[in-house]
Amino acid sequence: MFLNKNRLHRSHFVTSIRSARQLISHGQVFVNKRRVNNCNFILKNGDLVEFSPTIHCLIEKNLKSSRGWPMPPKYLQINYRTFQVLIIEDIKSTSLSLQFPFWLDFSTLLKSYER
């Protein structure tokens, strides 16, 4: 799993994908206590993503302005008090059917496009 801007955006610690990319490129993100400057850093199960203490005020502001309380993905364990994200399972092994509360019949969907 890559440390990309979407993972940080889904944690609601940043307000946009662009701001997540900026935090990573400016070295404000740490994985297992090591500074990361590259969005293509590969994350593994058990990796801990943290932020520089200098931007904790910004993260707190972002959380307060977030629309509704965030619902994190099941493959992330997020601590909103310490601003940490723990990777608890690989996204490939996460069942997408659990994240969507409806059933979709793809054959019916494809038939509607064939017309």
PDB file of N, CA and C in Angstrom:
ATOM      1  N   MET A   1       0.849  -1.161   0.000  1.00  0.00           N
ATOM      2  CA  MET A   1       0.000   0.000   0.000  1.00  0.00           C
ATOM      3  C   MET A   1       0.901   1.233   0.000  1.00  0.00           C
ATOM      4  N   PHE A   2       0.630   2.145  -0.893  1.00  0.00           N
ATOM      5  CA  PHE A   2       1.431   3.360  -0.981  1.00  0.00           C
ATOM      6  C   PHE A   2       0.948   4.391   0.035  1.00  0.00           C
ATOM      7  N   LEU A   3       1.897   5.173   0.563  1.00  0.00           N
ATOM      8  CA  LEU A   3       1.541   6.316   1.393  1.00  0.00           C
ATOM      9  C   LEU A   3       1.151   7.415   0.418  1.00  0.00           C
ATOM     10  N   ASN A   4      -0.069   7.415   0.014  1.00  0.00           N
ATOM     11  CA  ASN A   4      -0.466   8.443  -0.921  1.00  0.00           C
ATOM     12  C   ASN A   4      -1.405   9.422  -0.261  1.00  0.00           C
ATOM     13  N   LYS A   5      -1.677  10.455  -0.985  1.00  0.00           N
ATOM     14  CA  LYS A   5      -2.483  11.551  -0.446  1.00  0.00           C
ATOM     15  C   LYS A   5      -3.903  11.126  -0.099  1.00  0.00           C
ATOM     16  N   ASN A   6      -4.438  10.089  -0.751  1.00  0.00           N
ATOM     17  CA  ASN A   6      -5.791   9.638  -0.450  1.00  0.00           C
ATOM     18  C   ASN A   6      -5.897   9.053   0.959  1.00  0.00           C
ATOM     19  N   ARG A   7      -4.867   8.326   1.391  1.00  0.00           N
ATOM     20  CA  ARG A   7      -4.898   7.741   2.742  1.00  0.00           C
ATOM     21  C   ARG A   7      -4.980   8.834   3.808  1.00  0.00           C
ATOM     22  N   LEU A   8      -4.202   9.900   3.618  1.00  0.00           N
ATOM     23  CA  LEU A   8      -4.237  10.998   4.588  1.00  0.00           C
ATOM     24  C   LEU A   8      -5.551  11.758   4.502  1.00  0.00           C
ATOM     25  N   HIS A   9      -6.070  11.902   3.306  1.00  0.00           N
ATOM     26  CA  HIS A   9      -7.340  12.616   3.141  1.00  0.00           C
ATOM     27  C   HIS A   9      -8.485  11.829   3.781  1.00  0.00           C
ATOM     28  N   ARG A  10      -8.482  10.513   3.652  1.00  0.00           N
ATOM     29  CA  ARG A  10      -9.535   9.679   4.250  1.00  0.00           C
ATOM     30  C   ARG A  10      -9.479   9.673   5.777  1.00  0.00           C
ATOM     31  N   SER A  11      -8.333  10.000   6.331  1.00  0.00           N
ATOM     32  CA  SER A  11      -8.229  10.087   7.789  1.00  0.00           C
ATOM     33  C   SER A  11      -8.803  11.400   8.311  1.00  0.00           C
ATOM     34  N   HIS A  12      -9.099  12.347   7.408  1.00  0.00           N
ATOM     35  CA  HIS A  12      -9.645  13.675   7.724  1.00  0.00           C
ATOM     36  C   HIS A  12      -8.653  14.564   8.465  1.00  0.00           C
ATOM     37  N   PHE A  13      -7.364  14.210   8.428  1.00  0.00           N
ATOM     38  CA  PHE A  13      -6.345  15.075   9.008  1.00  0.00           C
ATOM     39  C   PHE A  13      -6.004  16.233   8.085  1.00  0.00           C
ATOM     40  N   VAL A  14      -6.326  16.103   6.814  1.00  0.00           N
ATOM     41  CA  VAL A  14      -6.120  17.167   5.831  1.00  0.00           C
ATOM     42  C   VAL A  14      -7.451  17.434   5.139  1.00  0.00           C
ATOM     43  N   THR A  15      -7.580  18.632   4.590  1.00  0.00           N
ATOM     44  CA  THR A  15      -8.855  19.009   3.974  1.00  0.00           C
ATOM     45  C   THR A  15      -8.942  18.658   2.501  1.00  0.00           C
ATOM     46  N   SER A  16      -7.806  18.387   1.867  1.00  0.00           N
ATOM     47  CA  SER A  16      -7.829  18.056   0.442  1.00  0.00           C
ATOM     48  C   SER A  16      -6.654  17.150   0.100  1.00  0.00           C
ATOM     49  N   ILE A  17      -6.747  16.533  -1.050  1.00  0.00           N
ATOM     50  CA  ILE A  17      -5.662  15.682  -1.529  1.00  0.00           C
ATOM     51  C   ILE A  17      -4.424  16.524  -1.811  1.00  0.00           C
ATOM     52  N   ARG A  18      -4.641  17.715  -2.301  1.00  0.00           N
ATOM     53  CA  ARG A  18      -3.514  18.607  -2.585  1.00  0.00           C
ATOM     54  C   ARG A  18      -2.741  18.977  -1.313  1.00  0.00           C
ATOM     55  N   SER A  19      -3.470  19.257  -0.236  1.00  0.00           N
ATOM     56  CA  SER A  19      -2.778  19.596   1.012  1.00  0.00           C
ATOM     57  C   SER A  19      -2.062  18.376   1.600  1.00  0.00           C
ATOM     58  N   ALA A  20      -2.597  17.184   1.380  1.00  0.00           N
ATOM     59  CA  ALA A  20      -1.912  15.964   1.830  1.00  0.00           C
ATOM     60  C   ALA A  20      -0.594  15.785   1.081  1.00  0.00           C
ATOM     61  N   ARG A  21      -0.621  15.994  -0.232  1.00  0.00           N
ATOM     62  CA  ARG A  21       0.598  15.886  -1.035  1.00  0.00           C
ATOM     63  C   ARG A  21       1.630  16.912  -0.575  1.00  0.00           C
ATOM     64  N   GLN A  22       1.163  18.103  -0.220  1.00  0.00           N
ATOM     65  CA  GLN A  22       2.071  19.156   0.219  1.00  0.00           C
ATOM     66  C   GLN A  22       2.723  18.789   1.558  1.00  0.00           C
ATOM     67  N   LEU A  23       1.946  18.229   2.489  1.00  0.00           N
ATOM     68  CA  LEU A  23       2.517  17.817   3.777  1.00  0.00           C
ATOM     69  C   LEU A  23       3.589  16.746   3.590  1.00  0.00           C
ATOM     70  N   ILE A  24       3.323  15.798   2.702  1.00  0.00           N
ATOM     71  CA  ILE A  24       4.295  14.738   2.456  1.00  0.00           C
ATOM     72  C   ILE A  24       5.564  15.307   1.827  1.00  0.00           C
ATOM     73  N   SER A  25       5.394  16.144   0.815  1.00  0.00           N
ATOM     74  CA  SER A  25       6.576  16.671   0.104  1.00  0.00           C
ATOM     75  C   SER A  25       7.403  17.613   0.970  1.00  0.00           C
ATOM     76  N   HIS A  26       6.783  18.239   1.974  1.00  0.00           N
ATOM     77  CA  HIS A  26       7.522  19.141   2.869  1.00  0.00           C
ATOM     78  C   HIS A  26       8.078  18.421   4.100  1.00  0.00           C
ATOM     79  N   GLY A  27       7.944  17.103   4.129  1.00  0.00           N
ATOM     80  CA  GLY A  27       8.546  16.324   5.212  1.00  0.00           C
ATOM     81  C   GLY A  27       7.825  16.426   6.540  1.00  0.00           C
ATOM     82  N   GLN A  28       6.528  16.658   6.521  1.00  0.00           N
ATOM     83  CA  GLN A  28       5.755  16.768   7.752  1.00  0.00           C
ATOM     84  C   GLN A  28       5.113  15.450   8.169  1.00  0.00           C
ATOM     85  N   VAL A  29       5.358  14.382   7.390  1.00  0.00           N
ATOM     86  CA  VAL A  29       4.757  13.076   7.652  1.00  0.00           C
ATOM     87  C   VAL A  29       5.866  12.080   7.980  1.00  0.00           C
ATOM     88  N   PHE A  30       5.620  11.257   9.009  1.00  0.00           N
ATOM     89  CA  PHE A  30       6.581  10.254   9.456  1.00  0.00           C
ATOM     90  C   PHE A  30       5.925   8.878   9.404  1.00  0.00           C
ATOM     91  N   VAL A  31       6.679   7.881   8.962  1.00  0.00           N
ATOM     92  CA  VAL A  31       6.238   6.490   8.997  1.00  0.00           C
ATOM     93  C   VAL A  31       7.235   5.742   9.868  1.00  0.00           C
ATOM     94  N   ASN A  32       6.731   5.174  10.956  1.00  0.00           N
ATOM     95  CA  ASN A  32       7.579   4.469  11.934  1.00  0.00           C
ATOM     96  C   ASN A  32       8.745   5.348  12.389  1.00  0.00           C
ATOM     97  N   LYS A  33       8.438   6.582  12.723  1.00  0.00           N
ATOM     98  CA  LYS A  33       9.389   7.567  13.263  1.00  0.00           C
ATOM     99  C   LYS A  33      10.413   8.060  12.236  1.00  0.00           C
ATOM    100  N   ARG A  34      10.247   7.732  10.962  1.00  0.00           N
ATOM    101  CA  ARG A  34      11.171   8.190   9.913  1.00  0.00           C
ATOM    102  C   ARG A  34      10.440   9.154   8.994  1.00  0.00           C
ATOM    103  N   ARG A  35      11.083  10.266   8.703  1.00  0.00           N
ATOM    104  CA  ARG A  35      10.506  11.288   7.829  1.00  0.00           C
ATOM    105  C   ARG A  35      10.346  10.733   6.418  1.00  0.00           C
ATOM    106  N   VAL A  36       9.182  11.005   5.810  1.00  0.00           N
ATOM    107  CA  VAL A  36       8.895  10.545   4.453  1.00  0.00           C
ATOM    108  C   VAL A  36       8.633  11.762   3.583  1.00  0.00           C
ATOM    109  N   ASN A  37       9.317  11.847   2.434  1.00  0.00           N
ATOM    110  CA  ASN A  37       9.133  12.953   1.500  1.00  0.00           C
ATOM    111  C   ASN A  37       8.521  12.504   0.179  1.00  0.00           C
ATOM    112  N   ASN A  38       8.226  11.219   0.052  1.00  0.00           N
ATOM    113  CA  ASN A  38       7.785  10.662  -1.216  1.00  0.00           C
ATOM    114  C   ASN A  38       6.410  10.013  -1.056  1.00  0.00           C
ATOM    115  N   CYS A  39       5.465  10.393  -1.920  1.00  0.00           N
ATOM    116  CA  CYS A  39       4.113   9.816  -1.877  1.00  0.00           C
ATOM    117  C   CYS A  39       4.107   8.347  -2.272  1.00  0.00           C
ATOM    118  N   ASN A  40       5.174   7.839  -2.874  1.00  0.00           N
ATOM    119  CA  ASN A  40       5.240   6.457  -3.320  1.00  0.00           C
ATOM    120  C   ASN A  40       5.871   5.524  -2.298  1.00  0.00           C
ATOM    121  N   PHE A  41       6.000   5.979  -1.069  1.00  0.00           N
ATOM    122  CA  PHE A  41       6.514   5.132  -0.001  1.00  0.00           C
ATOM    123  C   PHE A  41       5.514   3.997   0.235  1.00  0.00           C
ATOM    124  N   ILE A  42       6.002   2.762   0.296  1.00  0.00           N
ATOM    125  CA  ILE A  42       5.115   1.611   0.437  1.00  0.00           C
ATOM    126  C   ILE A  42       4.849   1.331   1.911  1.00  0.00           C
ATOM    127  N   LEU A  43       3.573   1.296   2.283  1.00  0.00           N
ATOM    128  CA  LEU A  43       3.162   1.001   3.649  1.00  0.00           C
ATOM    129  C   LEU A  43       2.885  -0.488   3.795  1.00  0.00           C
ATOM    130  N   LYS A  44       3.159  -1.025   4.991  1.00  0.00           N
ATOM    131  CA  LYS A  44       2.912  -2.420   5.299  1.00  0.00           C
ATOM    132  C   LYS A  44       2.019  -2.489   6.532  1.00  0.00           C
ATOM    133  N   ASN A  45       1.476  -3.671   6.778  1.00  0.00           N
ATOM    134  CA  ASN A  45       0.681  -3.877   7.988  1.00  0.00           C
ATOM    135  C   ASN A  45       1.523  -3.537   9.210  1.00  0.00           C
ATOM    136  N   GLY A  46       0.937  -2.814  10.134  1.00  0.00           N
ATOM    137  CA  GLY A  46       1.633  -2.442  11.354  1.00  0.00           C
ATOM    138  C   GLY A  46       2.392  -1.137  11.285  1.00  0.00           C
ATOM    139  N   ASP A  47       2.457  -0.504  10.116  1.00  0.00           N
ATOM    140  CA  ASP A  47       3.147   0.783  10.002  1.00  0.00           C
ATOM    141  C   ASP A  47       2.339   1.879  10.697  1.00  0.00           C
ATOM    142  N   LEU A  48       3.059   2.766  11.364  1.00  0.00           N
ATOM    143  CA  LEU A  48       2.446   3.876  12.084  1.00  0.00           C
ATOM    144  C   LEU A  48       2.777   5.177  11.373  1.00  0.00           C
ATOM    145  N   VAL A  49       1.747   5.892  10.938  1.00  0.00           N
ATOM    146  CA  VAL A  49       1.909   7.171  10.251  1.00  0.00           C
ATOM    147  C   VAL A  49       1.618   8.276  11.254  1.00  0.00           C
ATOM    148  N   GLU A  50       2.570   9.215  11.394  1.00  0.00           N
ATOM    149  CA  GLU A  50       2.436  10.330  12.328  1.00  0.00           C
ATOM    150  C   GLU A  50       2.748  11.628  11.596  1.00  0.00           C
ATOM    151  N   PHE A  51       2.462  12.729  12.274  1.00  0.00           N
ATOM    152  CA  PHE A  51       2.698  14.049  11.706  1.00  0.00           C
ATOM    153  C   PHE A  51       3.640  14.832  12.604  1.00  0.00           C
ATOM    154  N   SER A  52       4.341  15.770  12.008  1.00  0.00           N
ATOM    155  CA  SER A  52       5.246  16.633  12.755  1.00  0.00           C
ATOM    156  C   SER A  52       4.446  17.425  13.792  1.00  0.00           C
ATOM    157  N   PRO A  53       4.965  17.573  15.004  1.00  0.00           N
ATOM    158  CA  PRO A  53       4.258  18.341  16.035  1.00  0.00           C
ATOM    159  C   PRO A  53       3.996  19.798  15.630  1.00  0.00           C
ATOM    160  N   THR A  54       4.778  20.327  14.707  1.00  0.00           N
ATOM    161  CA  THR A  54       4.593  21.721  14.297  1.00  0.00           C
ATOM    162  C   THR A  54       3.288  21.940  13.542  1.00  0.00           C
ATOM    163  N   ILE A  55       2.675  20.870  13.022  1.00  0.00           N
ATOM    164  CA  ILE A  55       1.421  21.054  12.280  1.00  0.00           C
ATOM    165  C   ILE A  55       0.212  20.488  13.015  1.00  0.00           C
ATOM    166  N   HIS A  56       0.367  20.127  14.274  1.00  0.00           N
ATOM    167  CA  HIS A  56      -0.765  19.594  15.032  1.00  0.00           C
ATOM    168  C   HIS A  56      -1.908  20.600  15.141  1.00  0.00           C
ATOM    169  N   CYS A  57      -1.581  21.870  15.246  1.00  0.00           N
ATOM    170  CA  CYS A  57      -2.639  22.902  15.306  1.00  0.00           C
ATOM    171  C   CYS A  57      -3.431  22.927  14.002  1.00  0.00           C
ATOM    172  N   LEU A  58      -2.750  22.789  12.883  1.00  0.00           N
ATOM    173  CA  LEU A  58      -3.404  22.760  11.583  1.00  0.00           C
ATOM    174  C   LEU A  58      -4.316  21.534  11.463  1.00  0.00           C
ATOM    175  N   ILE A  59      -3.832  20.388  11.908  1.00  0.00           N
ATOM    176  CA  ILE A  59      -4.621  19.164  11.841  1.00  0.00           C
ATOM    177  C   ILE A  59      -5.860  19.273  12.723  1.00  0.00           C
ATOM    178  N   GLU A  60      -5.700  19.840  13.893  1.00  0.00           N
ATOM    179  CA  GLU A  60      -6.843  20.027  14.794  1.00  0.00           C
ATOM    180  C   GLU A  60      -7.885  20.944  14.155  1.00  0.00           C
ATOM    181  N   LYS A  61      -7.430  21.975  13.506  1.00  0.00           N
ATOM    182  CA  LYS A  61      -8.335  22.898  12.801  1.00  0.00           C
ATOM    183  C   LYS A  61      -9.063  22.172  11.666  1.00  0.00           C
ATOM    184  N   ASN A  62      -8.338  21.338  10.927  1.00  0.00           N
ATOM    185  CA  ASN A  62      -8.939  20.576   9.833  1.00  0.00           C
ATOM    186  C   ASN A  62     -10.005  19.611  10.341  1.00  0.00           C
ATOM    187  N   LEU A  63      -9.743  18.962  11.475  1.00  0.00           N
ATOM    188  CA  LEU A  63     -10.725  18.041  12.042  1.00  0.00           C
ATOM    189  C   LEU A  63     -11.982  18.768  12.492  1.00  0.00           C
ATOM    190  N   LYS A  64     -11.820  19.953  13.052  1.00  0.00           N
ATOM    191  CA  LYS A  64     -12.982  20.722  13.507  1.00  0.00           C
ATOM    192  C   LYS A  64     -13.836  21.209  12.342  1.00  0.00           C
ATOM    193  N   SER A  65     -13.201  21.478  11.213  1.00  0.00           N
ATOM    194  CA  SER A  65     -13.954  21.975  10.059  1.00  0.00           C
ATOM    195  C   SER A  65     -14.442  20.858   9.143  1.00  0.00           C
ATOM    196  N   SER A  66     -14.153  19.611   9.486  1.00  0.00           N
ATOM    197  CA  SER A  66     -14.575  18.482   8.667  1.00  0.00           C
ATOM    198  C   SER A  66     -16.094  18.357   8.692  1.00  0.00           C
ATOM    199  N   ARG A  67     -16.670  18.037   7.527  1.00  0.00           N
ATOM    200  CA  ARG A  67     -18.134  17.871   7.434  1.00  0.00           C
ATOM    201  C   ARG A  67     -18.530  16.545   8.055  1.00  0.00           C
ATOM    202  N   GLY A  68     -19.236  16.596   9.149  1.00  0.00           N
ATOM    203  CA  GLY A  68     -19.645  15.371   9.824  1.00  0.00           C
ATOM    204  C   GLY A  68     -18.459  14.655  10.437  1.00  0.00           C
ATOM    205  N   TRP A  69     -18.731  13.738  11.316  1.00  0.00           N
ATOM    206  CA  TRP A  69     -17.645  13.020  11.945  1.00  0.00           C
ATOM    207  C   TRP A  69     -17.099  12.001  10.964  1.00  0.00           C
ATOM    208  N   PRO A  70     -15.777  11.915  10.842  1.00  0.00           N
ATOM    209  CA  PRO A  70     -15.186  11.030   9.840  1.00  0.00           C
ATOM    210  C   PRO A  70     -15.457   9.553  10.103  1.00  0.00           C
ATOM    211  N   MET A  71     -15.677   8.833   9.026  1.00  0.00           N
ATOM    212  CA  MET A  71     -15.837   7.377   9.074  1.00  0.00           C
ATOM    213  C   MET A  71     -14.624   6.775   8.388  1.00  0.00           C
ATOM    214  N   PRO A  72     -13.628   6.340   9.148  1.00  0.00           N
ATOM    215  CA  PRO A  72     -12.379   5.850   8.531  1.00  0.00           C
ATOM    216  C   PRO A  72     -12.581   4.498   7.855  1.00  0.00           C
ATOM    217  N   PRO A  73     -11.765   4.215   6.845  1.00  0.00           N
ATOM    218  CA  PRO A  73     -11.809   2.888   6.225  1.00  0.00           C
ATOM    219  C   PRO A  73     -11.391   1.810   7.225  1.00  0.00           C
ATOM    220  N   LYS A  74     -11.828   0.589   6.997  1.00  0.00           N
ATOM    221  CA  LYS A  74     -11.554  -0.499   7.939  1.00  0.00           C
ATOM    222  C   LYS A  74     -10.088  -0.895   8.003  1.00  0.00           C
ATOM    223  N   TYR A  75      -9.308  -0.559   6.985  1.00  0.00           N
ATOM    224  CA  TYR A  75      -7.896  -0.949   6.991  1.00  0.00           C
ATOM    225  C   TYR A  75      -7.022   0.067   7.719  1.00  0.00           C
ATOM    226  N   LEU A  76      -7.623   1.115   8.266  1.00  0.00           N
ATOM    227  CA  LEU A  76      -6.883   2.122   9.033  1.00  0.00           C
ATOM    228  C   LEU A  76      -7.444   2.205  10.446  1.00  0.00           C
ATOM    229  N   GLN A  77      -6.566   2.294  11.419  1.00  0.00           N
ATOM    230  CA  GLN A  77      -6.969   2.575  12.791  1.00  0.00           C
ATOM    231  C   GLN A  77      -6.427   3.963  13.101  1.00  0.00           C
ATOM    232  N   ILE A  78      -7.328   4.892  13.404  1.00  0.00           N
ATOM    233  CA  ILE A  78      -6.943   6.293  13.535  1.00  0.00           C
ATOM    234  C   ILE A  78      -7.137   6.755  14.971  1.00  0.00           C
ATOM    235  N   ASN A  79      -6.113   7.426  15.510  1.00  0.00           N
ATOM    236  CA  ASN A  79      -6.190   8.026  16.833  1.00  0.00           C
ATOM    237  C   ASN A  79      -6.268   9.534  16.627  1.00  0.00           C
ATOM    238  N   TYR A  80      -7.452  10.102  16.846  1.00  0.00           N
ATOM    239  CA  TYR A  80      -7.669  11.525  16.604  1.00  0.00           C
ATOM    240  C   TYR A  80      -7.112  12.406  17.720  1.00  0.00           C
ATOM    241  N   ARG A  81      -6.697  11.818  18.823  1.00  0.00           N
ATOM    242  CA  ARG A  81      -6.084  12.603  19.907  1.00  0.00           C
ATOM    243  C   ARG A  81      -4.592  12.809  19.686  1.00  0.00           C
ATOM    244  N   THR A  82      -3.934  11.777  19.172  1.00  0.00           N
ATOM    245  CA  THR A  82      -2.489  11.868  18.975  1.00  0.00           C
ATOM    246  C   THR A  82      -2.118  12.067  17.505  1.00  0.00           C
ATOM    247  N   PHE A  83      -3.127  12.146  16.628  1.00  0.00           N
ATOM    248  CA  PHE A  83      -2.924  12.354  15.190  1.00  0.00           C
ATOM    249  C   PHE A  83      -2.045  11.261  14.592  1.00  0.00           C
ATOM    250  N   GLN A  84      -2.430  10.012  14.818  1.00  0.00           N
ATOM    251  CA  GLN A  84      -1.692   8.871  14.309  1.00  0.00           C
ATOM    252  C   GLN A  84      -2.616   7.965  13.504  1.00  0.00           C
ATOM    253  N   VAL A  85      -2.050   7.329  12.488  1.00  0.00           N
ATOM    254  CA  VAL A  85      -2.769   6.375  11.658  1.00  0.00           C
ATOM    255  C   VAL A  85      -1.987   5.070  11.676  1.00  0.00           C
ATOM    256  N   LEU A  86      -2.650   3.979  12.043  1.00  0.00           N
ATOM    257  CA  LEU A  86      -2.027   2.665  12.076  1.00  0.00           C
ATOM    258  C   LEU A  86      -2.625   1.828  10.948  1.00  0.00           C
ATOM    259  N   ILE A  87      -1.772   1.248  10.111  1.00  0.00           N
ATOM    260  CA  ILE A  87      -2.219   0.379   9.029  1.00  0.00           C
ATOM    261  C   ILE A  87      -2.468  -0.995   9.646  1.00  0.00           C
ATOM    262  N   ILE A  88      -3.728  -1.437   9.663  1.00  0.00           N
ATOM    263  CA  ILE A  88      -4.033  -2.704  10.338  1.00  0.00           C
ATOM    264  C   ILE A  88      -4.227  -3.859   9.374  1.00  0.00           C
ATOM    265  N   GLU A  89      -4.445  -3.584   8.097  1.00  0.00           N
ATOM    266  CA  GLU A  89      -4.474  -4.656   7.107  1.00  0.00           C
ATOM    267  C   GLU A  89      -4.271  -4.074   5.728  1.00  0.00           C
ATOM    268  N   ASP A  90      -3.854  -4.923   4.828  1.00  0.00           N
ATOM    269  CA  ASP A  90      -3.597  -4.502   3.460  1.00  0.00           C
ATOM    270  C   ASP A  90      -4.922  -4.216   2.763  1.00  0.00           C
ATOM    271  N   ILE A  91      -4.971  -3.163   1.980  1.00  0.00           N
ATOM    272  CA  ILE A  91      -6.203  -2.779   1.308  1.00  0.00           C
ATOM    273  C   ILE A  91      -6.663  -3.853   0.327  1.00  0.00           C
ATOM    274  N   LYS A  92      -5.737  -4.632  -0.226  1.00  0.00           N
ATOM    275  CA  LYS A  92      -6.109  -5.687  -1.166  1.00  0.00           C
ATOM    276  C   LYS A  92      -6.918  -6.776  -0.487  1.00  0.00           C
ATOM    277  N   SER A  93      -6.679  -7.027   0.795  1.00  0.00           N
ATOM    278  CA  SER A  93      -7.404  -8.076   1.492  1.00  0.00           C
ATOM    279  C   SER A  93      -8.688  -7.573   2.128  1.00  0.00           C
ATOM    280  N   THR A  94      -8.966  -6.277   2.037  1.00  0.00           N
ATOM    281  CA  THR A  94     -10.191  -5.718   2.582  1.00  0.00           C
ATOM    282  C   THR A  94     -11.336  -6.003   1.637  1.00  0.00           C
ATOM    283  N   SER A  95     -12.408  -6.505   2.160  1.00  0.00           N
ATOM    284  CA  SER A  95     -13.572  -6.803   1.332  1.00  0.00           C
ATOM    285  C   SER A  95     -14.331  -5.514   1.042  1.00  0.00           C
ATOM    286  N   LEU A  96     -14.414  -5.178  -0.236  1.00  0.00           N
ATOM    287  CA  LEU A  96     -15.137  -3.960  -0.610  1.00  0.00           C
ATOM    288  C   LEU A  96     -16.632  -4.098  -0.392  1.00  0.00           C
ATOM    289  N   SER A  97     -17.134  -5.325  -0.368  1.00  0.00           N
ATOM    290  CA  SER A  97     -18.571  -5.511  -0.169  1.00  0.00           C
ATOM    291  C   SER A  97     -19.009  -5.042   1.210  1.00  0.00           C
ATOM    292  N   LEU A  98     -18.103  -5.021   2.174  1.00  0.00           N
ATOM    293  CA  LEU A  98     -18.451  -4.555   3.509  1.00  0.00           C
ATOM    294  C   LEU A  98     -18.553  -3.035   3.578  1.00  0.00           C
ATOM    295  N   GLN A  99     -17.915  -2.340   2.624  1.00  0.00           N
ATOM    296  CA  GLN A  99     -17.919  -0.893   2.656  1.00  0.00           C
ATOM    297  C   GLN A  99     -19.116  -0.290   1.930  1.00  0.00           C
ATOM    298  N   PHE A 100     -19.836  -1.118   1.158  1.00  0.00           N
ATOM    299  CA  PHE A 100     -20.992  -0.628   0.431  1.00  0.00           C
ATOM    300  C   PHE A 100     -22.238  -1.336   0.957  1.00  0.00           C
ATOM    301  N   PRO A 101     -23.186  -0.609   1.522  1.00  0.00           N
ATOM    302  CA  PRO A 101     -24.342  -1.240   2.167  1.00  0.00           C
ATOM    303  C   PRO A 101     -25.441  -1.654   1.194  1.00  0.00           C
ATOM    304  N   PHE A 102     -25.167  -1.755  -0.089  1.00  0.00           N
ATOM    305  CA  PHE A 102     -26.186  -2.149  -1.055  1.00  0.00           C
ATOM    306  C   PHE A 102     -25.639  -3.245  -1.962  1.00  0.00           C
ATOM    307  N   TRP A 103     -26.555  -3.930  -2.646  1.00  0.00           N
ATOM    308  CA  TRP A 103     -26.155  -4.999  -3.529  1.00  0.00           C
ATOM    309  C   TRP A 103     -26.304  -4.515  -4.951  1.00  0.00           C
ATOM    310  N   LEU A 104     -25.328  -4.766  -5.796  1.00  0.00           N
ATOM    311  CA  LEU A 104     -25.344  -4.297  -7.171  1.00  0.00           C
ATOM    312  C   LEU A 104     -25.180  -5.487  -8.099  1.00  0.00           C
ATOM    313  N   ASP A 105     -26.129  -5.635  -9.020  1.00  0.00           N
ATOM    314  CA  ASP A 105     -26.073  -6.703  -9.999  1.00  0.00           C
ATOM    315  C   ASP A 105     -25.416  -6.157 -11.258  1.00  0.00           C
ATOM    316  N   PHE A 106     -24.168  -6.558 -11.513  1.00  0.00           N
ATOM    317  CA  PHE A 106     -23.418  -6.011 -12.633  1.00  0.00           C
ATOM    318  C   PHE A 106     -24.008  -6.413 -13.981  1.00  0.00           C
ATOM    319  N   SER A 107     -24.599  -7.587 -14.080  1.00  0.00           N
ATOM    320  CA  SER A 107     -25.180  -8.001 -15.360  1.00  0.00           C
ATOM    321  C   SER A 107     -26.344  -7.097 -15.742  1.00  0.00           C
ATOM    322  N   THR A 108     -27.164  -6.713 -14.779  1.00  0.00           N
ATOM    323  CA  THR A 108     -28.263  -5.782 -15.047  1.00  0.00           C
ATOM    324  C   THR A 108     -27.721  -4.405 -15.434  1.00  0.00           C
ATOM    325  N   LEU A 109     -26.675  -4.000 -14.789  1.00  0.00           N
ATOM    326  CA  LEU A 109     -26.064  -2.717 -15.096  1.00  0.00           C
ATOM    327  C   LEU A 109     -25.499  -2.692 -16.518  1.00  0.00           C
ATOM    328  N   LEU A 110     -24.829  -3.783 -16.897  1.00  0.00           N
ATOM    329  CA  LEU A 110     -24.270  -3.857 -18.252  1.00  0.00           C
ATOM    330  C   LEU A 110     -25.361  -3.897 -19.312  1.00  0.00           C
ATOM    331  N   LYS A 111     -26.475  -4.569 -19.034  1.00  0.00           N
ATOM    332  CA  LYS A 111     -27.585  -4.630 -19.995  1.00  0.00           C
ATOM    333  C   LYS A 111     -28.168  -3.228 -20.237  1.00  0.00           C
ATOM    334  N   SER A 112     -28.189  -2.417 -19.203  1.00  0.00           N
ATOM    335  CA  SER A 112     -28.746  -1.063 -19.363  1.00  0.00           C
ATOM    336  C   SER A 112     -27.859  -0.190 -20.240  1.00  0.00           C
ATOM    337  N   TYR A 113     -26.567  -0.488 -20.289  1.00  0.00           N
ATOM    338  CA  TYR A 113     -25.651   0.263 -21.141  1.00  0.00           C
ATOM    339  C   TYR A 113     -25.629  -0.245 -22.580  1.00  0.00           C
ATOM    340  N   GLU A 114     -26.082  -1.485 -22.802  1.00  0.00           N
ATOM    341  CA  GLU A 114     -26.077  -2.049 -24.135  1.00  0.00           C
ATOM    342  C   GLU A 114     -27.167  -1.451 -25.008  1.00  0.00           C
ATOM    343  N   ARG A 115     -28.185  -0.901 -24.450  1.00  0.00           N
ATOM    344  CA  ARG A 115     -29.306  -0.345 -25.217  1.00  0.00           C
ATOM    345  C   ARG A 115     -28.928   0.810 -26.033  1.00  0.00           C
TER     346      ARG A 115
END
